[in-house]
Protein backbone atom coordinates (compact mmCIF):
# COMPACT_ATOMS: atom_id res chain seq x y z
CA MET A 1 20.01 -16.96 -32.73
CA SER A 2 20.35 -13.23 -31.62
CA THR A 3 23.63 -11.83 -30.42
CA ASP A 4 22.16 -9.10 -28.95
CA TRP A 5 22.99 -8.97 -25.22
CA THR A 6 21.06 -5.79 -25.15
CA LEU A 7 17.32 -5.75 -23.42
CA ALA A 8 16.68 -4.30 -26.69
CA GLY A 9 17.51 -7.99 -28.17
CA LEU A 10 15.29 -9.82 -25.61
CA PRO A 11 11.88 -10.81 -26.38
CA LEU A 12 10.24 -8.34 -24.23
CA ARG A 13 6.66 -7.92 -24.01
CA GLU A 14 5.65 -5.04 -26.65
CA GLU A 15 4.05 -2.68 -23.46
CA LEU A 16 6.88 -3.13 -21.46
CA ARG A 17 9.11 -1.64 -23.86
CA GLY A 18 10.38 2.06 -22.35
CA GLU A 19 9.73 1.21 -19.08
CA SER A 20 11.24 1.33 -16.15
CA PRO A 21 11.76 0.03 -12.74
CA TYR A 22 9.69 1.54 -9.77
CA GLY A 23 11.58 2.54 -6.91
CA ALA A 24 12.06 6.42 -5.26
CA PRO A 25 15.79 7.31 -5.48
CA GLN A 26 17.82 5.37 -2.81
CA LEU A 27 20.59 7.89 -2.06
CA ASP A 28 22.52 8.37 0.76
CA VAL A 29 21.47 11.93 2.65
CA PRO A 30 21.85 13.30 6.13
CA VAL A 31 17.55 13.11 6.16
CA ALA A 32 15.96 11.23 4.00
CA LEU A 33 12.17 11.99 3.73
CA ASN A 34 10.62 10.19 0.87
CA VAL A 35 9.13 6.98 1.17
CA ASN A 36 6.69 7.41 3.63
CA GLU A 37 8.78 5.56 5.67
CA ASN A 38 8.47 5.31 9.92
CA PRO A 39 11.71 7.26 11.39
CA TYR A 40 11.45 5.52 14.98
CA PRO A 41 13.40 2.13 14.38
CA PRO A 42 12.16 -0.69 16.68
CA SER A 43 13.43 -1.06 20.17
CA GLU A 44 15.95 -2.83 21.34
CA HIS A 45 13.18 -4.65 23.77
CA VAL A 46 11.18 -5.48 20.41
CA VAL A 47 14.26 -6.44 18.12
CA ALA A 48 15.20 -8.86 21.27
CA GLN A 49 11.61 -10.55 20.78
CA ILE A 50 11.94 -10.89 17.16
CA ALA A 51 15.14 -11.93 17.02
CA ALA A 52 14.24 -14.87 18.91
CA ALA A 53 11.57 -15.61 17.06
CA VAL A 54 12.99 -15.81 14.13
CA ALA A 55 16.47 -17.69 15.94
CA ASP A 56 12.96 -20.37 16.61
CA ALA A 57 11.43 -20.16 13.21
CA ALA A 58 15.02 -20.84 11.85
CA ARG A 59 15.24 -23.93 13.43
CA SER A 60 13.07 -25.45 11.47
CA LEU A 61 13.94 -23.28 7.99
CA ASN A 62 14.58 -27.32 6.15
CA ARG A 63 10.68 -27.42 6.17
CA TYR A 64 8.28 -25.18 4.15
CA PRO A 65 6.11 -22.57 5.61
CA ASP A 66 2.74 -22.90 6.69
CA ARG A 67 1.15 -22.27 3.34
CA ASP A 68 -1.45 -19.98 4.15
CA ALA A 69 -0.09 -18.30 7.64
CA LEU A 70 -3.14 -18.99 9.55
CA ALA A 71 -1.20 -18.25 12.95
CA LEU A 72 0.04 -15.11 11.52
CA ARG A 73 -4.01 -14.33 9.69
CA ALA A 74 -5.40 -14.52 13.38
CA ASP A 75 -3.35 -12.29 14.99
CA LEU A 76 -3.61 -9.59 12.66
CA ALA A 77 -7.49 -10.50 12.44
CA ALA A 78 -7.46 -9.91 16.37
CA TYR A 79 -5.47 -6.36 16.07
CA LEU A 80 -7.88 -4.93 13.03
CA THR A 81 -10.92 -6.08 15.43
CA ALA A 82 -9.15 -3.65 17.94
CA ASP A 83 -8.36 -1.02 15.55
CA GLY A 84 -11.55 -0.88 13.29
CA GLY A 85 -14.47 -1.59 16.41
CA VAL A 86 -15.58 -4.83 13.67
CA GLU A 87 -15.52 -8.55 14.58
CA LEU A 88 -13.16 -10.36 12.16
CA GLY A 89 -12.00 -13.94 12.04
CA ALA A 90 -8.69 -15.63 10.52
CA ASP A 91 -10.87 -16.65 7.26
CA GLN A 92 -11.54 -12.62 6.64
CA VAL A 93 -7.14 -11.59 6.26
CA TRP A 94 -5.29 -12.26 3.96
CA ALA A 95 -1.16 -11.65 4.27
CA ALA A 96 1.52 -11.47 1.18
CA ASN A 97 5.12 -9.45 0.96
CA GLY A 98 3.62 -6.47 1.17
CA SER A 99 0.45 -4.21 -0.24
CA ASN A 100 1.82 -4.41 -3.18
CA GLU A 101 1.93 -8.03 -3.52
CA ILE A 102 -1.79 -7.74 -2.05
CA MET A 103 -2.62 -5.81 -4.65
CA LEU A 104 -1.38 -7.00 -7.73
CA GLN A 105 -2.88 -10.57 -6.50
CA LEU A 106 -6.46 -8.99 -6.22
CA LEU A 107 -5.97 -7.98 -10.01
CA GLN A 108 -4.82 -11.40 -10.57
CA ALA A 109 -7.72 -12.71 -9.60
CA PHE A 110 -10.23 -9.96 -10.17
CA GLY A 111 -8.83 -8.44 -13.23
CA GLY A 112 -7.15 -9.85 -16.33
CA PRO A 113 -7.76 -9.62 -20.25
CA GLY A 114 -10.80 -7.72 -21.06
CA ARG A 115 -11.55 -6.19 -17.43
CA THR A 116 -11.07 -2.88 -16.46
CA THR A 117 -9.77 -1.34 -12.96
CA VAL A 118 -10.42 2.49 -12.28
CA SER A 119 -8.84 5.18 -10.21
CA PHE A 120 -8.64 8.60 -9.52
CA ALA A 121 -5.49 10.33 -10.07
CA PRO A 122 -3.44 11.83 -8.66
CA THR A 123 -2.84 8.78 -6.59
CA TYR A 124 -0.40 5.70 -5.94
CA SER A 125 1.66 5.60 -9.23
CA MET A 126 1.94 1.52 -9.07
CA TYR A 127 -1.56 1.02 -9.43
CA PRO A 128 -0.98 1.27 -13.08
CA GLU A 129 1.79 -0.87 -13.00
CA TYR A 130 -0.64 -3.54 -11.18
CA ALA A 131 -3.04 -2.90 -14.38
CA ARG A 132 -0.31 -3.00 -16.48
CA ASP A 133 1.24 -6.92 -15.35
CA THR A 134 -2.07 -8.30 -15.15
CA HIS A 135 -3.01 -7.11 -18.14
CA THR A 136 -6.06 -5.30 -17.01
CA ASP A 137 -7.27 -2.22 -18.83
CA TRP A 138 -6.58 1.33 -16.73
CA VAL A 139 -8.46 4.30 -16.64
CA ALA A 140 -7.51 7.10 -14.36
CA GLY A 141 -10.50 9.57 -13.54
CA ARG A 142 -9.52 12.90 -11.84
CA ARG A 143 -9.83 13.93 -8.36
CA ALA A 144 -11.64 17.45 -7.34
CA GLU A 145 -8.96 20.42 -6.44
CA ASP A 146 -9.06 19.50 -2.77
CA PHE A 147 -8.16 16.47 -3.79
CA GLY A 148 -11.14 14.75 -2.56
CA LEU A 149 -13.22 12.36 -5.24
CA ASP A 150 -15.98 14.33 -6.96
CA LEU A 151 -18.29 11.57 -6.28
CA ALA A 152 -20.06 12.84 -9.51
CA GLN A 153 -17.47 12.05 -11.86
CA VAL A 154 -16.69 9.05 -10.00
CA LEU A 155 -19.88 7.66 -10.74
CA GLU A 156 -19.81 8.50 -14.42
CA VAL A 157 -16.59 6.65 -14.95
CA LEU A 158 -18.06 3.77 -13.09
CA GLU A 159 -21.16 3.91 -15.42
CA LYS A 160 -19.04 4.31 -18.42
CA HIS A 161 -16.46 1.54 -17.99
CA GLU A 162 -18.40 -0.83 -15.91
CA PRO A 163 -14.65 -1.57 -13.64
CA SER A 164 -14.21 -4.90 -12.51
CA VAL A 165 -11.79 -3.51 -9.57
CA VAL A 166 -12.09 0.12 -8.05
CA LEU A 167 -8.84 0.90 -6.46
CA LEU A 168 -8.95 3.83 -3.80
CA ALA A 169 -6.17 5.15 -1.35
CA SER A 170 -7.40 6.57 1.96
CA PRO A 171 -5.50 8.13 3.09
CA ASN A 172 -4.50 8.72 -1.06
CA ASN A 173 -1.18 8.62 -1.50
CA PRO A 174 0.47 10.99 -2.42
CA THR A 175 -2.04 13.34 -1.38
CA GLY A 176 -2.91 12.27 2.21
CA THR A 177 -6.60 12.66 0.98
CA ALA A 178 -8.98 10.20 3.50
CA LEU A 179 -12.43 9.61 2.16
CA SER A 180 -15.58 9.41 3.70
CA LEU A 181 -17.72 6.52 4.46
CA ALA A 182 -20.43 7.84 2.46
CA ASP A 183 -18.36 8.03 -0.68
CA ILE A 184 -17.38 4.87 0.03
CA GLU A 185 -20.46 3.15 0.62
CA THR A 186 -22.19 5.10 -2.40
CA ILE A 187 -19.72 3.68 -4.75
CA ALA A 188 -20.03 -0.23 -3.63
CA ASP A 189 -23.74 0.16 -3.51
CA VAL A 190 -22.82 0.74 -7.51
CA ALA A 191 -19.76 -0.80 -8.53
CA PRO A 192 -20.14 -3.88 -10.00
CA GLY A 193 -17.29 -5.77 -8.90
CA MET A 194 -14.58 -5.26 -6.34
CA VAL A 195 -14.29 -1.83 -4.40
CA VAL A 196 -10.81 -2.23 -3.04
CA ILE A 197 -9.84 0.62 -0.16
CA ASP A 198 -5.59 0.62 0.08
CA GLU A 199 -5.61 2.29 4.10
CA ALA A 200 -1.68 1.62 3.78
CA TYR A 201 -1.48 4.73 5.66
CA GLY A 202 -4.61 4.22 7.82
CA GLU A 203 -3.31 4.38 11.61
CA PHE A 204 -2.32 7.88 10.85
CA ARG A 205 -5.66 8.93 10.45
CA ARG A 206 -6.94 12.15 12.33
CA ALA A 207 -9.19 11.77 15.11
CA GLY A 208 -13.06 11.07 14.17
CA VAL A 209 -11.49 10.13 10.79
CA PRO A 210 -12.86 6.21 10.17
CA SER A 211 -11.56 3.29 8.68
CA ALA A 212 -13.87 1.20 6.18
CA LEU A 213 -13.39 -1.78 7.96
CA SER A 214 -16.31 -0.88 9.53
CA LEU A 215 -18.04 -1.40 6.08
CA LEU A 216 -17.15 -4.70 5.40
CA PRO A 217 -20.40 -6.58 7.04
CA ALA A 218 -22.29 -4.73 4.78
CA PHE A 219 -20.58 -5.08 1.10
CA PRO A 220 -19.62 -8.25 0.17
CA ARG A 221 -17.01 -7.34 -2.40
CA LEU A 222 -15.62 -4.46 -0.20
CA VAL A 223 -11.50 -4.85 0.79
CA VAL A 224 -9.33 -3.23 3.09
CA ILE A 225 -5.75 -3.12 2.15
CA ARG A 226 -3.42 -2.45 5.57
CA THR A 227 0.54 -3.12 5.59
CA MET A 228 2.96 -3.33 8.68
CA SER A 229 5.50 -1.13 6.90
CA LYS A 230 4.31 2.34 7.99
CA ALA A 231 2.64 2.94 11.81
CA PHE A 232 4.40 -0.36 12.81
CA ALA A 233 7.80 0.27 11.32
CA LEU A 234 8.41 -2.68 9.68
CA ALA A 235 9.48 -1.37 5.65
CA GLY A 236 12.06 -4.31 6.46
CA GLY A 237 9.88 -7.26 6.57
CA ARG A 238 7.42 -6.91 3.77
CA LEU A 239 4.32 -7.15 5.28
CA GLY A 240 0.79 -6.50 4.06
CA TYR A 241 -2.44 -7.61 4.39
CA LEU A 242 -6.31 -7.44 3.28
CA ALA A 243 -9.49 -7.86 5.27
CA ALA A 244 -12.84 -8.51 3.35
CA SER A 245 -15.05 -11.33 3.44
CA PRO A 246 -14.41 -15.00 3.41
CA ALA A 247 -14.92 -15.51 -0.19
CA VAL A 248 -12.58 -13.36 -1.28
CA VAL A 249 -9.73 -14.85 0.33
CA ASP A 250 -10.43 -18.10 -1.14
CA ALA A 251 -10.09 -15.95 -4.45
CA VAL A 252 -6.58 -14.91 -3.73
CA ARG A 253 -5.45 -18.23 -2.37
CA ILE A 254 -6.97 -19.50 -6.08
CA VAL A 255 -3.89 -16.87 -7.43
CA ARG A 256 -1.07 -16.96 -4.48
CA LEU A 257 1.83 -18.71 -5.64
CA PRO A 258 2.88 -21.48 -3.27
CA TYR A 259 4.67 -20.92 0.38
CA HIS A 260 4.81 -16.63 -0.84
CA LEU A 261 5.60 -15.88 2.98
CA SER A 262 8.60 -17.49 4.61
CA ALA A 263 9.09 -18.51 7.74
CA ILE A 264 10.77 -15.64 8.90
CA THR A 265 8.88 -12.98 8.05
CA GLN A 266 5.03 -15.13 9.87
CA ALA A 267 8.02 -15.07 12.87
CA ALA A 268 8.98 -11.47 12.46
CA ALA A 269 4.85 -10.47 11.99
CA ARG A 270 4.09 -12.33 14.82
CA ALA A 271 6.55 -11.05 16.83
CA ALA A 272 5.51 -7.22 15.72
CA LEU A 273 2.18 -7.33 16.26
CA ALA A 274 2.79 -9.07 19.83
CA ASN A 275 4.63 -5.86 20.49
CA ALA A 276 1.67 -3.58 18.55
CA ALA A 277 1.68 -0.94 21.21
CA GLU A 278 5.08 -0.33 21.91
CA LEU A 279 5.49 -0.25 17.84
CA LEU A 280 2.68 2.65 17.62
CA ALA A 281 3.61 4.65 20.30
CA ALA A 282 5.47 6.96 17.71
CA VAL A 283 2.35 7.06 15.72
CA ASP A 284 0.74 9.92 18.13
CA GLU A 285 3.80 11.47 18.00
CA LEU A 286 4.15 11.39 14.05
CA ARG A 287 0.58 12.88 13.43
CA ALA A 288 1.19 15.84 15.69
CA GLU A 289 4.74 16.64 13.63
CA ARG A 290 2.53 16.24 10.54
CA ASP A 291 -0.19 18.79 11.52
CA ARG A 292 2.96 21.01 12.94
CA THR A 293 4.27 21.02 9.25
CA VAL A 294 0.91 21.53 7.68
CA ALA A 295 0.37 24.72 9.67
CA TRP A 296 4.27 25.57 8.89
CA LEU A 297 4.00 25.11 5.22
CA ARG A 298 0.81 27.11 5.35
CA GLY A 299 2.32 30.06 7.51
CA ILE A 300 5.14 30.64 5.37
CA GLY A 301 2.72 30.87 1.83
CA LEU A 302 2.78 27.60 0.02
CA GLN A 303 -0.46 25.27 -0.05
CA ALA A 304 -0.34 22.12 1.77
CA ALA A 305 -2.81 19.68 1.79
CA ASP A 306 -4.87 18.20 4.38
CA SER A 307 -3.58 14.96 5.34
CA ASP A 308 -4.39 11.85 7.44
CA ALA A 309 -0.91 10.33 6.47
CA ASN A 310 2.38 10.40 7.53
CA PHE A 311 3.47 12.96 4.85
CA VAL A 312 2.85 16.48 3.66
CA LEU A 313 1.82 17.63 -0.33
CA PHE A 314 3.08 20.62 -1.01
CA GLY A 315 3.68 23.79 -3.01
CA THR A 316 3.26 25.21 -5.30
CA PHE A 317 6.05 25.86 -7.11
CA ALA A 318 6.65 26.98 -10.67
CA ASP A 319 10.03 24.59 -10.98
CA ARG A 320 9.71 21.64 -8.69
CA HIS A 321 12.59 20.39 -9.79
CA ALA A 322 14.97 22.62 -8.79
CA VAL A 323 13.09 23.44 -4.79
CA TRP A 324 13.64 18.98 -4.75
CA GLN A 325 17.63 19.75 -6.36
CA GLY A 326 18.10 22.81 -3.70
CA LEU A 327 16.94 20.41 -0.91
CA LEU A 328 19.25 17.40 -1.65
CA ASP A 329 22.28 19.77 -2.23
CA ARG A 330 20.82 20.48 1.28
CA GLY A 331 21.39 16.98 2.37
CA ILE A 332 17.54 16.79 2.64
CA LEU A 333 15.90 13.86 -0.07
CA ILE A 334 11.88 14.36 -0.34
CA ARG A 335 10.10 13.04 -2.90
CA GLU A 336 8.75 14.92 -7.08
CA THR A 337 5.51 13.15 -7.00
CA GLY A 338 2.33 14.26 -7.45
CA PRO A 339 0.85 16.93 -9.65
CA ASP A 340 2.96 19.78 -11.92
CA GLY A 341 4.41 22.09 -8.83
CA TRP A 342 4.12 19.64 -5.90
CA LEU A 343 6.28 18.27 -3.31
CA ARG A 344 5.86 15.28 -0.85
CA VAL A 345 7.48 15.24 2.12
CA SER A 346 7.46 12.42 4.55
CA ILE A 347 7.68 12.86 8.38
CA GLY A 348 10.35 12.00 9.81
CA THR A 349 11.71 12.96 13.51
CA PRO A 350 11.71 16.95 15.12
CA ASP A 351 15.42 16.97 14.19
CA GLU A 352 14.92 16.03 11.04
CA MET A 353 11.75 18.38 10.32
CA THR A 354 13.78 21.21 11.54
CA ALA A 355 16.32 20.66 9.30
CA PHE A 356 13.63 20.17 6.56
CA ARG A 357 12.12 23.51 7.45
CA ARG A 358 15.99 25.69 7.33
CA ALA A 359 16.56 23.78 4.11
CA LEU A 360 12.91 24.80 2.08
CA GLU A 361 13.51 28.61 3.74
CA GLU A 362 17.00 28.42 2.34
CA VAL A 363 15.71 27.88 -1.27
CA ARG A 364 13.26 29.52 -1.16
CA ASN A 365 15.21 32.60 -0.37
CA GLY A 366 17.68 31.72 -3.01
């Protein structure tokens, strides 16, 4: 028997050796603009509504929750129908602990040994980890210079690798780039497996930028993912969901863990949805602040990617870590992510963005 009490002494899967847990730095700073949170907490009115719903659920915590979260899924379907303009039923929606679990469940159902998932970098850094954790081969193509998709390259990658799952974020993280419906249709027409459009930041898209929800009736293998973490300011609630055909929902239900959504989570999410208008009221303000940030960054001679999300990718810097550290030294935490030379700032309150601009100017001026 081994007496080595270190991680190296454990029979860890070989592909996990040397890996570190995913996560952005969690630091106590005056201005945290690094994980794309909504800076506006729920109002006291909404807090009271959520607390009452949770208290009611707590009265039956001796019982298991609704295993399939039917009431919650019906509420989510109603919300998506209003947002996307496509009639959806509860049987077309599935919910889990954040969009992360949704994507993991999709790869559990449609990925696995001998299968491949494809995406196009730079994109969300968790995608290859979902593939790794489900023993799915990972292939990353490249995005174009403007961070959009090079459709010719996309089609070439699909033909070569025949992926069982294509993962595309729209808006893309960390670039903020949204996909056109025409590109999604082209990909869905030729992809041999599932096409997953990750719209975690979908509510922040600019006017006239459509959601892929409108394509669901035409493509039985298309999946659209959303979350309540961002626009709904419910990051601590951990509720993500997908919209797809009922058959896709049935497939995911096969791999879900029993009672994967607690009664508390379901109650809190339903209370938040009942107050959607109030919780989403800050979205327009955040969009406007994002657009002002893009304009300001470009105005001082930096590049800033067009964004349909609640963050902006900007650069470029010869030593981006030095800029990141300089901001941190001034109490501003942003994210060192994306292509070399670029940084990403989440959109905060006007006061937080003023502090960010002041600090960045100080760092650049030495």
